[in-house]
Amino acid sequence: MPLYEYRCQVCGEMEEKIQSYSAPTEHDCPKCGSTKGMNRQISKVAFNLSGGGWYAQGYSDKASSGSSKESTSSSAGGCCGGACACKPGA
């Protein structure tokens, strides 16, 4: 479940709640008691990709530098640079 931040429009009280996606976007302020005073805020998302998988193999700087090396060798080796039907004797 996501972590949501709320801020009271009356007194400025802030709180965080772990709630389901279907939770209401407003509720009563626990500090001042204002009805529907606490409004859900838009906040940054903490997101970190680690380990292997599509990120490391397809989108990281290491993968893009490796693919540029492959494209350099492929231009020197013929039409595709690999051992395929378009390259006789390979």
PDB file of N, CA and C in Angstrom:
ATOM      1  N   MET A   1       0.836  -1.183   0.000  1.00  0.00           N
ATOM      2  CA  MET A   1       0.000   0.000   0.000  1.00  0.00           C
ATOM      3  C   MET A   1       0.884   1.250   0.000  1.00  0.00           C
ATOM      4  N   PRO A   2       0.435   2.295  -0.655  1.00  0.00           N
ATOM      5  CA  PRO A   2       1.234   3.523  -0.747  1.00  0.00           C
ATOM      6  C   PRO A   2       1.192   4.371   0.521  1.00  0.00           C
ATOM      7  N   LEU A   3       2.203   5.201   0.648  1.00  0.00           N
ATOM      8  CA  LEU A   3       2.300   6.157   1.745  1.00  0.00           C
ATOM      9  C   LEU A   3       1.828   7.507   1.221  1.00  0.00           C
ATOM     10  N   TYR A   4       0.801   8.068   1.856  1.00  0.00           N
ATOM     11  CA  TYR A   4       0.256   9.356   1.435  1.00  0.00           C
ATOM     12  C   TYR A   4       0.576  10.425   2.458  1.00  0.00           C
ATOM     13  N   GLU A   5       0.789  11.652   1.988  1.00  0.00           N
ATOM     14  CA  GLU A   5       1.000  12.808   2.853  1.00  0.00           C
ATOM     15  C   GLU A   5      -0.251  13.677   2.811  1.00  0.00           C
ATOM     16  N   TYR A   6      -0.649  14.176   3.988  1.00  0.00           N
ATOM     17  CA  TYR A   6      -1.810  15.043   4.104  1.00  0.00           C
ATOM     18  C   TYR A   6      -1.406  16.332   4.793  1.00  0.00           C
ATOM     19  N   ARG A   7      -2.076  17.431   4.434  1.00  0.00           N
ATOM     20  CA  ARG A   7      -1.830  18.739   5.052  1.00  0.00           C
ATOM     21  C   ARG A   7      -3.177  19.408   5.300  1.00  0.00           C
ATOM     22  N   CYS A   8      -3.334  19.960   6.504  1.00  0.00           N
ATOM     23  CA  CYS A   8      -4.572  20.653   6.859  1.00  0.00           C
ATOM     24  C   CYS A   8      -4.559  22.044   6.226  1.00  0.00           C
ATOM     25  N   GLN A   9      -5.632  22.389   5.558  1.00  0.00           N
ATOM     26  CA  GLN A   9      -5.753  23.694   4.908  1.00  0.00           C
ATOM     27  C   GLN A   9      -6.037  24.809   5.909  1.00  0.00           C
ATOM     28  N   VAL A  10      -6.435  24.452   7.150  1.00  0.00           N
ATOM     29  CA  VAL A  10      -6.768  25.441   8.174  1.00  0.00           C
ATOM     30  C   VAL A  10      -5.562  25.737   9.075  1.00  0.00           C
ATOM     31  N   CYS A  11      -4.984  24.705   9.696  1.00  0.00           N
ATOM     32  CA  CYS A  11      -3.911  24.921  10.676  1.00  0.00           C
ATOM     33  C   CYS A  11      -2.523  24.545  10.177  1.00  0.00           C
ATOM     34  N   GLY A  12      -2.424  23.870   9.044  1.00  0.00           N
ATOM     35  CA  GLY A  12      -1.123  23.509   8.488  1.00  0.00           C
ATOM     36  C   GLY A  12      -0.542  22.204   9.009  1.00  0.00           C
ATOM     37  N   GLU A  13      -1.278  21.495   9.846  1.00  0.00           N
ATOM     38  CA  GLU A  13      -0.823  20.209  10.386  1.00  0.00           C
ATOM     39  C   GLU A  13      -0.519  19.249   9.236  1.00  0.00           C
ATOM     40  N   MET A  14       0.590  18.485   9.367  1.00  0.00           N
ATOM     41  CA  MET A  14       0.960  17.519   8.337  1.00  0.00           C
ATOM     42  C   MET A  14       1.002  16.126   8.945  1.00  0.00           C
ATOM     43  N   GLU A  15       0.628  15.117   8.147  1.00  0.00           N
ATOM     44  CA  GLU A  15       0.693  13.729   8.596  1.00  0.00           C
ATOM     45  C   GLU A  15       0.903  12.813   7.398  1.00  0.00           C
ATOM     46  N   GLU A  16       1.407  11.622   7.679  1.00  0.00           N
ATOM     47  CA  GLU A  16       1.593  10.597   6.661  1.00  0.00           C
ATOM     48  C   GLU A  16       0.769   9.383   7.062  1.00  0.00           C
ATOM     49  N   LYS A  17       0.166   8.739   6.079  1.00  0.00           N
ATOM     50  CA  LYS A  17      -0.644   7.550   6.339  1.00  0.00           C
ATOM     51  C   LYS A  17      -0.380   6.518   5.259  1.00  0.00           C
ATOM     52  N   ILE A  18      -0.302   5.256   5.668  1.00  0.00           N
ATOM     53  CA  ILE A  18      -0.239   4.157   4.720  1.00  0.00           C
ATOM     54  C   ILE A  18      -1.677   3.714   4.499  1.00  0.00           C
ATOM     55  N   GLN A  19      -2.159   3.920   3.278  1.00  0.00           N
ATOM     56  CA  GLN A  19      -3.560   3.634   2.963  1.00  0.00           C
ATOM     57  C   GLN A  19      -3.669   2.973   1.596  1.00  0.00           C
ATOM     58  N   SER A  20      -4.826   2.416   1.348  1.00  0.00           N
ATOM     59  CA  SER A  20      -5.085   1.797   0.046  1.00  0.00           C
ATOM     60  C   SER A  20      -5.306   2.883  -1.009  1.00  0.00           C
ATOM     61  N   TYR A  21      -5.253   2.482  -2.268  1.00  0.00           N
ATOM     62  CA  TYR A  21      -5.461   3.415  -3.371  1.00  0.00           C
ATOM     63  C   TYR A  21      -6.857   4.036  -3.344  1.00  0.00           C
ATOM     64  N   SER A  22      -7.806   3.297  -2.814  1.00  0.00           N
ATOM     65  CA  SER A  22      -9.188   3.780  -2.814  1.00  0.00           C
ATOM     66  C   SER A  22      -9.527   4.645  -1.594  1.00  0.00           C
ATOM     67  N   ALA A  23      -8.545   4.973  -0.764  1.00  0.00           N
ATOM     68  CA  ALA A  23      -8.792   5.807   0.422  1.00  0.00           C
ATOM     69  C   ALA A  23      -9.245   7.198  -0.001  1.00  0.00           C
ATOM     70  N   PRO A  24     -10.101   7.840   0.800  1.00  0.00           N
ATOM     71  CA  PRO A  24     -10.544   9.193   0.451  1.00  0.00           C
ATOM     72  C   PRO A  24      -9.378  10.182   0.468  1.00  0.00           C
ATOM     73  N   THR A  25      -9.469  11.215  -0.352  1.00  0.00           N
ATOM     74  CA  THR A  25      -8.393  12.200  -0.452  1.00  0.00           C
ATOM     75  C   THR A  25      -8.482  13.278   0.619  1.00  0.00           C
ATOM     76  N   GLU A  26      -9.559  13.308   1.380  1.00  0.00           N
ATOM     77  CA  GLU A  26      -9.742  14.287   2.456  1.00  0.00           C
ATOM     78  C   GLU A  26     -10.245  13.575   3.707  1.00  0.00           C
ATOM     79  N   HIS A  27      -9.883  14.132   4.873  1.00  0.00           N
ATOM     80  CA  HIS A  27     -10.439  13.662   6.142  1.00  0.00           C
ATOM     81  C   HIS A  27     -10.307  14.768   7.193  1.00  0.00           C
ATOM     82  N   ASP A  28     -10.904  14.538   8.360  1.00  0.00           N
ATOM     83  CA  ASP A  28     -10.892  15.537   9.429  1.00  0.00           C
ATOM     84  C   ASP A  28      -9.487  15.690  10.003  1.00  0.00           C
ATOM     85  N   CYS A  29      -9.140  16.913  10.363  1.00  0.00           N
ATOM     86  CA  CYS A  29      -7.834  17.209  10.945  1.00  0.00           C
ATOM     87  C   CYS A  29      -7.801  16.737  12.400  1.00  0.00           C
ATOM     88  N   PRO A  30      -6.794  15.945  12.789  1.00  0.00           N
ATOM     89  CA  PRO A  30      -6.724  15.481  14.175  1.00  0.00           C
ATOM     90  C   PRO A  30      -6.307  16.581  15.160  1.00  0.00           C
ATOM     91  N   LYS A  31      -5.676  17.654  14.672  1.00  0.00           N
ATOM     92  CA  LYS A  31      -5.203  18.721  15.552  1.00  0.00           C
ATOM     93  C   LYS A  31      -6.280  19.774  15.812  1.00  0.00           C
ATOM     94  N   CYS A  32      -6.822  20.357  14.736  1.00  0.00           N
ATOM     95  CA  CYS A  32      -7.798  21.449  14.911  1.00  0.00           C
ATOM     96  C   CYS A  32      -9.249  20.990  14.785  1.00  0.00           C
ATOM     97  N   GLY A  33      -9.465  19.767  14.273  1.00  0.00           N
ATOM     98  CA  GLY A  33     -10.815  19.244  14.156  1.00  0.00           C
ATOM     99  C   GLY A  33     -11.580  19.732  12.942  1.00  0.00           C
ATOM    100  N   SER A  34     -10.920  20.453  12.052  1.00  0.00           N
ATOM    101  CA  SER A  34     -11.579  20.966  10.856  1.00  0.00           C
ATOM    102  C   SER A  34     -12.111  19.815  10.005  1.00  0.00           C
ATOM    103  N   THR A  35     -13.394  19.906   9.657  1.00  0.00           N
ATOM    104  CA  THR A  35     -14.008  18.877   8.835  1.00  0.00           C
ATOM    105  C   THR A  35     -13.450  18.938   7.420  1.00  0.00           C
ATOM    106  N   LYS A  36     -12.984  17.831   6.936  1.00  0.00           N
ATOM    107  CA  LYS A  36     -12.392  17.714   5.597  1.00  0.00           C
ATOM    108  C   LYS A  36     -11.218  18.683   5.401  1.00  0.00           C
ATOM    109  N   GLY A  37     -10.514  19.008   6.494  1.00  0.00           N
ATOM    110  CA  GLY A  37      -9.396  19.945   6.415  1.00  0.00           C
ATOM    111  C   GLY A  37      -8.126  19.326   5.868  1.00  0.00           C
ATOM    112  N   MET A  38      -7.929  18.017   6.101  1.00  0.00           N
ATOM    113  CA  MET A  38      -6.712  17.348   5.656  1.00  0.00           C
ATOM    114  C   MET A  38      -6.867  16.926   4.201  1.00  0.00           C
ATOM    115  N   ASN A  39      -6.029  17.485   3.332  1.00  0.00           N
ATOM    116  CA  ASN A  39      -6.058  17.163   1.902  1.00  0.00           C
ATOM    117  C   ASN A  39      -4.789  16.423   1.521  1.00  0.00           C
ATOM    118  N   ARG A  40      -4.938  15.422   0.662  1.00  0.00           N
ATOM    119  CA  ARG A  40      -3.793  14.647   0.187  1.00  0.00           C
ATOM    120  C   ARG A  40      -2.893  15.539  -0.669  1.00  0.00           C
ATOM    121  N   GLN A  41      -1.599  15.449  -0.414  1.00  0.00           N
ATOM    122  CA  GLN A  41      -0.619  16.252  -1.135  1.00  0.00           C
ATOM    123  C   GLN A  41       0.044  15.429  -2.231  1.00  0.00           C
ATOM    124  N   ILE A  42       0.526  16.108  -3.237  1.00  0.00           N
ATOM    125  CA  ILE A  42       1.332  15.467  -4.277  1.00  0.00           C
ATOM    126  C   ILE A  42       2.767  15.527  -3.798  1.00  0.00           C
ATOM    127  N   SER A  43       3.430  14.402  -3.744  1.00  0.00           N
ATOM    128  CA  SER A  43       4.792  14.367  -3.234  1.00  0.00           C
ATOM    129  C   SER A  43       5.682  13.521  -4.134  1.00  0.00           C
ATOM    130  N   LYS A  44       6.982  13.653  -3.932  1.00  0.00           N
ATOM    131  CA  LYS A  44       7.948  12.876  -4.699  1.00  0.00           C
ATOM    132  C   LYS A  44       7.864  11.417  -4.295  1.00  0.00           C
ATOM    133  N   VAL A  45       8.263  10.571  -5.213  1.00  0.00           N
ATOM    134  CA  VAL A  45       8.266   9.144  -4.962  1.00  0.00           C
ATOM    135  C   VAL A  45       9.702   8.689  -4.770  1.00  0.00           C
ATOM    136  N   ALA A  46       9.965   7.933  -3.729  1.00  0.00           N
ATOM    137  CA  ALA A  46      11.286   7.342  -3.526  1.00  0.00           C
ATOM    138  C   ALA A  46      11.331   6.048  -4.325  1.00  0.00           C
ATOM    139  N   PHE A  47      12.244   5.966  -5.265  1.00  0.00           N
ATOM    140  CA  PHE A  47      12.273   4.856  -6.190  1.00  0.00           C
ATOM    141  C   PHE A  47      13.725   4.524  -6.504  1.00  0.00           C
ATOM    142  N   ASN A  48      14.133   3.289  -6.304  1.00  0.00           N
ATOM    143  CA  ASN A  48      15.504   2.902  -6.563  1.00  0.00           C
ATOM    144  C   ASN A  48      15.528   1.543  -7.233  1.00  0.00           C
ATOM    145  N   LEU A  49      16.135   1.467  -8.394  1.00  0.00           N
ATOM    146  CA  LEU A  49      16.295   0.201  -9.085  1.00  0.00           C
ATOM    147  C   LEU A  49      17.677  -0.341  -8.746  1.00  0.00           C
ATOM    148  N   SER A  50      17.739  -1.584  -8.342  1.00  0.00           N
ATOM    149  CA  SER A  50      19.034  -2.178  -8.021  1.00  0.00           C
ATOM    150  C   SER A  50      19.074  -3.609  -8.519  1.00  0.00           C
ATOM    151  N   GLY A  51      20.273  -4.151  -8.587  1.00  0.00           N
ATOM    152  CA  GLY A  51      20.429  -5.530  -9.026  1.00  0.00           C
ATOM    153  C   GLY A  51      20.469  -5.634 -10.537  1.00  0.00           C
ATOM    154  N   GLY A  52      20.255  -6.840 -11.034  1.00  0.00           N
ATOM    155  CA  GLY A  52      20.285  -7.084 -12.476  1.00  0.00           C
ATOM    156  C   GLY A  52      18.916  -6.873 -13.085  1.00  0.00           C
ATOM    157  N   GLY A  53      18.720  -7.477 -14.233  1.00  0.00           N
ATOM    158  CA  GLY A  53      17.429  -7.368 -14.887  1.00  0.00           C
ATOM    159  C   GLY A  53      17.395  -6.309 -15.964  1.00  0.00           C
ATOM    160  N   TRP A  54      16.194  -5.915 -16.356  1.00  0.00           N
ATOM    161  CA  TRP A  54      16.034  -5.013 -17.503  1.00  0.00           C
ATOM    162  C   TRP A  54      16.724  -3.688 -17.290  1.00  0.00           C
ATOM    163  N   TYR A  55      16.768  -3.168 -16.057  1.00  0.00           N
ATOM    164  CA  TYR A  55      17.399  -1.870 -15.827  1.00  0.00           C
ATOM    165  C   TYR A  55      18.896  -1.952 -16.106  1.00  0.00           C
ATOM    166  N   ALA A  56      19.563  -2.931 -15.537  1.00  0.00           N
ATOM    167  CA  ALA A  56      21.014  -3.055 -15.698  1.00  0.00           C
ATOM    168  C   ALA A  56      21.389  -3.463 -17.112  1.00  0.00           C
ATOM    169  N   GLN A  57      20.558  -4.248 -17.761  1.00  0.00           N
ATOM    170  CA  GLN A  57      20.905  -4.754 -19.072  1.00  0.00           C
ATOM    171  C   GLN A  57      20.425  -3.879 -20.215  1.00  0.00           C
ATOM    172  N   GLY A  58      19.363  -3.122 -20.014  1.00  0.00           N
ATOM    173  CA  GLY A  58      18.807  -2.392 -21.132  1.00  0.00           C
ATOM    174  C   GLY A  58      18.825  -0.884 -21.033  1.00  0.00           C
ATOM    175  N   TYR A  59      18.949  -0.332 -19.831  1.00  0.00           N
ATOM    176  CA  TYR A  59      18.779   1.110 -19.718  1.00  0.00           C
ATOM    177  C   TYR A  59      19.871   1.821 -18.938  1.00  0.00           C
ATOM    178  N   SER A  60      20.806   1.121 -18.364  1.00  0.00           N
ATOM    179  CA  SER A  60      21.853   1.795 -17.595  1.00  0.00           C
ATOM    180  C   SER A  60      22.948   2.309 -18.522  1.00  0.00           C
ATOM    181  N   ASP A  61      23.853   3.116 -17.989  1.00  0.00           N
ATOM    182  CA  ASP A  61      24.961   3.655 -18.776  1.00  0.00           C
ATOM    183  C   ASP A  61      25.882   2.549 -19.263  1.00  0.00           C
ATOM    184  N   LYS A  62      26.075   1.501 -18.472  1.00  0.00           N
ATOM    185  CA  LYS A  62      26.937   0.395 -18.882  1.00  0.00           C
ATOM    186  C   LYS A  62      26.408  -0.270 -20.144  1.00  0.00           C
ATOM    187  N   ALA A  63      25.111  -0.499 -20.191  1.00  0.00           N
ATOM    188  CA  ALA A  63      24.520  -1.167 -21.344  1.00  0.00           C
ATOM    189  C   ALA A  63      24.594  -0.287 -22.589  1.00  0.00           C
ATOM    190  N   SER A  64      24.379   1.008 -22.440  1.00  0.00           N
ATOM    191  CA  SER A  64      24.403   1.876 -23.611  1.00  0.00           C
ATOM    192  C   SER A  64      25.821   2.029 -24.145  1.00  0.00           C
ATOM    193  N   SER A  65      26.849   2.017 -23.258  1.00  0.00           N
ATOM    194  CA  SER A  65      28.217   2.103 -23.751  1.00  0.00           C
ATOM    195  C   SER A  65      28.611   0.802 -24.427  1.00  0.00           C
ATOM    196  N   GLY A  66      28.095  -0.345 -23.929  1.00  0.00           N
ATOM    197  CA  GLY A  66      28.376  -1.629 -24.556  1.00  0.00           C
ATOM    198  C   GLY A  66      27.719  -1.740 -25.912  1.00  0.00           C
ATOM    199  N   SER A  67      26.523  -1.206 -26.065  1.00  0.00           N
ATOM    200  CA  SER A  67      25.835  -1.300 -27.345  1.00  0.00           C
ATOM    201  C   SER A  67      26.505  -0.411 -28.395  1.00  0.00           C
ATOM    202  N   SER A  68      27.144   0.685 -27.967  1.00  0.00           N
ATOM    203  CA  SER A  68      27.850   1.514 -28.936  1.00  0.00           C
ATOM    204  C   SER A  68      29.092   0.809 -29.439  1.00  0.00           C
ATOM    205  N   LYS A  69      29.727  -0.034 -28.589  1.00  0.00           N
ATOM    206  CA  LYS A  69      30.871  -0.816 -29.031  1.00  0.00           C
ATOM    207  C   LYS A  69      30.433  -1.851 -30.049  1.00  0.00           C
ATOM    208  N   GLU A  70      29.270  -2.459 -29.813  1.00  0.00           N
ATOM    209  CA  GLU A  70      28.766  -3.453 -30.743  1.00  0.00           C
ATOM    210  C   GLU A  70      28.452  -2.824 -32.094  1.00  0.00           C
ATOM    211  N   SER A  71      27.896  -1.635 -32.087  1.00  0.00           N
ATOM    212  CA  SER A  71      27.556  -1.004 -33.346  1.00  0.00           C
ATOM    213  C   SER A  71      28.816  -0.609 -34.116  1.00  0.00           C
ATOM    214  N   THR A  72      29.901  -0.271 -33.394  1.00  0.00           N
ATOM    215  CA  THR A  72      31.164   0.055 -34.065  1.00  0.00           C
ATOM    216  C   THR A  72      31.743  -1.183 -34.716  1.00  0.00           C
ATOM    217  N   SER A  73      31.723  -2.322 -33.980  1.00  0.00           N
ATOM    218  CA  SER A  73      32.281  -3.537 -34.549  1.00  0.00           C
ATOM    219  C   SER A  73      31.418  -4.064 -35.681  1.00  0.00           C
ATOM    220  N   SER A  74      30.113  -3.827 -35.622  1.00  0.00           N
ATOM    221  CA  SER A  74      29.249  -4.326 -36.674  1.00  0.00           C
ATOM    222  C   SER A  74      29.466  -3.559 -37.978  1.00  0.00           C
ATOM    223  N   SER A  75      29.811  -2.271 -37.898  1.00  0.00           N
ATOM    224  CA  SER A  75      30.039  -1.535 -39.128  1.00  0.00           C
ATOM    225  C   SER A  75      31.341  -1.972 -39.782  1.00  0.00           C
ATOM    226  N   ALA A  76      32.310  -2.427 -38.984  1.00  0.00           N
ATOM    227  CA  ALA A  76      33.577  -2.879 -39.543  1.00  0.00           C
ATOM    228  C   ALA A  76      33.477  -4.295 -40.074  1.00  0.00           C
ATOM    229  N   GLY A  77      32.499  -5.074 -39.609  1.00  0.00           N
ATOM    230  CA  GLY A  77      32.425  -6.479 -39.964  1.00  0.00           C
ATOM    231  C   GLY A  77      31.479  -6.780 -41.102  1.00  0.00           C
ATOM    232  N   GLY A  78      30.889  -5.846 -41.752  1.00  0.00           N
ATOM    233  CA  GLY A  78      29.969  -6.127 -42.843  1.00  0.00           C
ATOM    234  C   GLY A  78      28.585  -5.603 -42.545  1.00  0.00           C
ATOM    235  N   CYS A  79      27.579  -6.204 -43.189  1.00  0.00           N
ATOM    236  CA  CYS A  79      26.227  -5.685 -43.088  1.00  0.00           C
ATOM    237  C   CYS A  79      25.651  -5.803 -41.684  1.00  0.00           C
ATOM    238  N   CYS A  80      25.941  -6.894 -40.973  1.00  0.00           N
ATOM    239  CA  CYS A  80      25.383  -7.019 -39.627  1.00  0.00           C
ATOM    240  C   CYS A  80      26.452  -7.304 -38.580  1.00  0.00           C
ATOM    241  N   GLY A  81      27.664  -7.654 -38.977  1.00  0.00           N
ATOM    242  CA  GLY A  81      28.761  -7.887 -38.046  1.00  0.00           C
ATOM    243  C   GLY A  81      28.704  -9.213 -37.320  1.00  0.00           C
ATOM    244  N   GLY A  82      27.734 -10.037 -37.607  1.00  0.00           N
ATOM    245  CA  GLY A  82      27.598 -11.320 -36.926  1.00  0.00           C
ATOM    246  C   GLY A  82      27.767 -12.473 -37.890  1.00  0.00           C
ATOM    247  N   ALA A  83      27.710 -13.673 -37.349  1.00  0.00           N
ATOM    248  CA  ALA A  83      27.821 -14.872 -38.170  1.00  0.00           C
ATOM    249  C   ALA A  83      26.434 -15.245 -38.680  1.00  0.00           C
ATOM    250  N   CYS A  84      26.040 -14.681 -39.799  1.00  0.00           N
ATOM    251  CA  CYS A  84      24.714 -14.955 -40.343  1.00  0.00           C
ATOM    252  C   CYS A  84      24.814 -15.264 -41.844  1.00  0.00           C
ATOM    253  N   ALA A  85      23.711 -15.454 -42.461  1.00  0.00           N
ATOM    254  CA  ALA A  85      23.664 -15.835 -43.867  1.00  0.00           C
ATOM    255  C   ALA A  85      24.136 -14.724 -44.797  1.00  0.00           C
ATOM    256  N   CYS A  86      24.093 -13.484 -44.359  1.00  0.00           N
ATOM    257  CA  CYS A  86      24.499 -12.391 -45.227  1.00  0.00           C
ATOM    258  C   CYS A  86      26.016 -12.233 -45.287  1.00  0.00           C
ATOM    259  N   LYS A  87      26.720 -12.977 -44.461  1.00  0.00           N
ATOM    260  CA  LYS A  87      28.167 -12.869 -44.423  1.00  0.00           C
ATOM    261  C   LYS A  87      28.772 -14.230 -44.773  1.00  0.00           C
ATOM    262  N   PRO A  88      29.138 -14.478 -46.014  1.00  0.00           N
ATOM    263  CA  PRO A  88      29.672 -15.791 -46.405  1.00  0.00           C
ATOM    264  C   PRO A  88      31.028 -16.060 -45.712  1.00  0.00           C
ATOM    265  N   GLY A  89      31.177 -17.319 -45.294  1.00  0.00           N
ATOM    266  CA  GLY A  89      32.426 -17.727 -44.682  1.00  0.00           C
ATOM    267  C   GLY A  89      32.550 -17.394 -43.218  1.00  0.00           C
ATOM    268  N   ALA A  90      31.537 -16.868 -42.615  1.00  0.00           N
ATOM    269  CA  ALA A  90      31.621 -16.484 -41.204  1.00  0.00           C
ATOM    270  C   ALA A  90      31.175 -17.580 -40.305  1.00  0.00           C
TER     271      ALA A  90
END
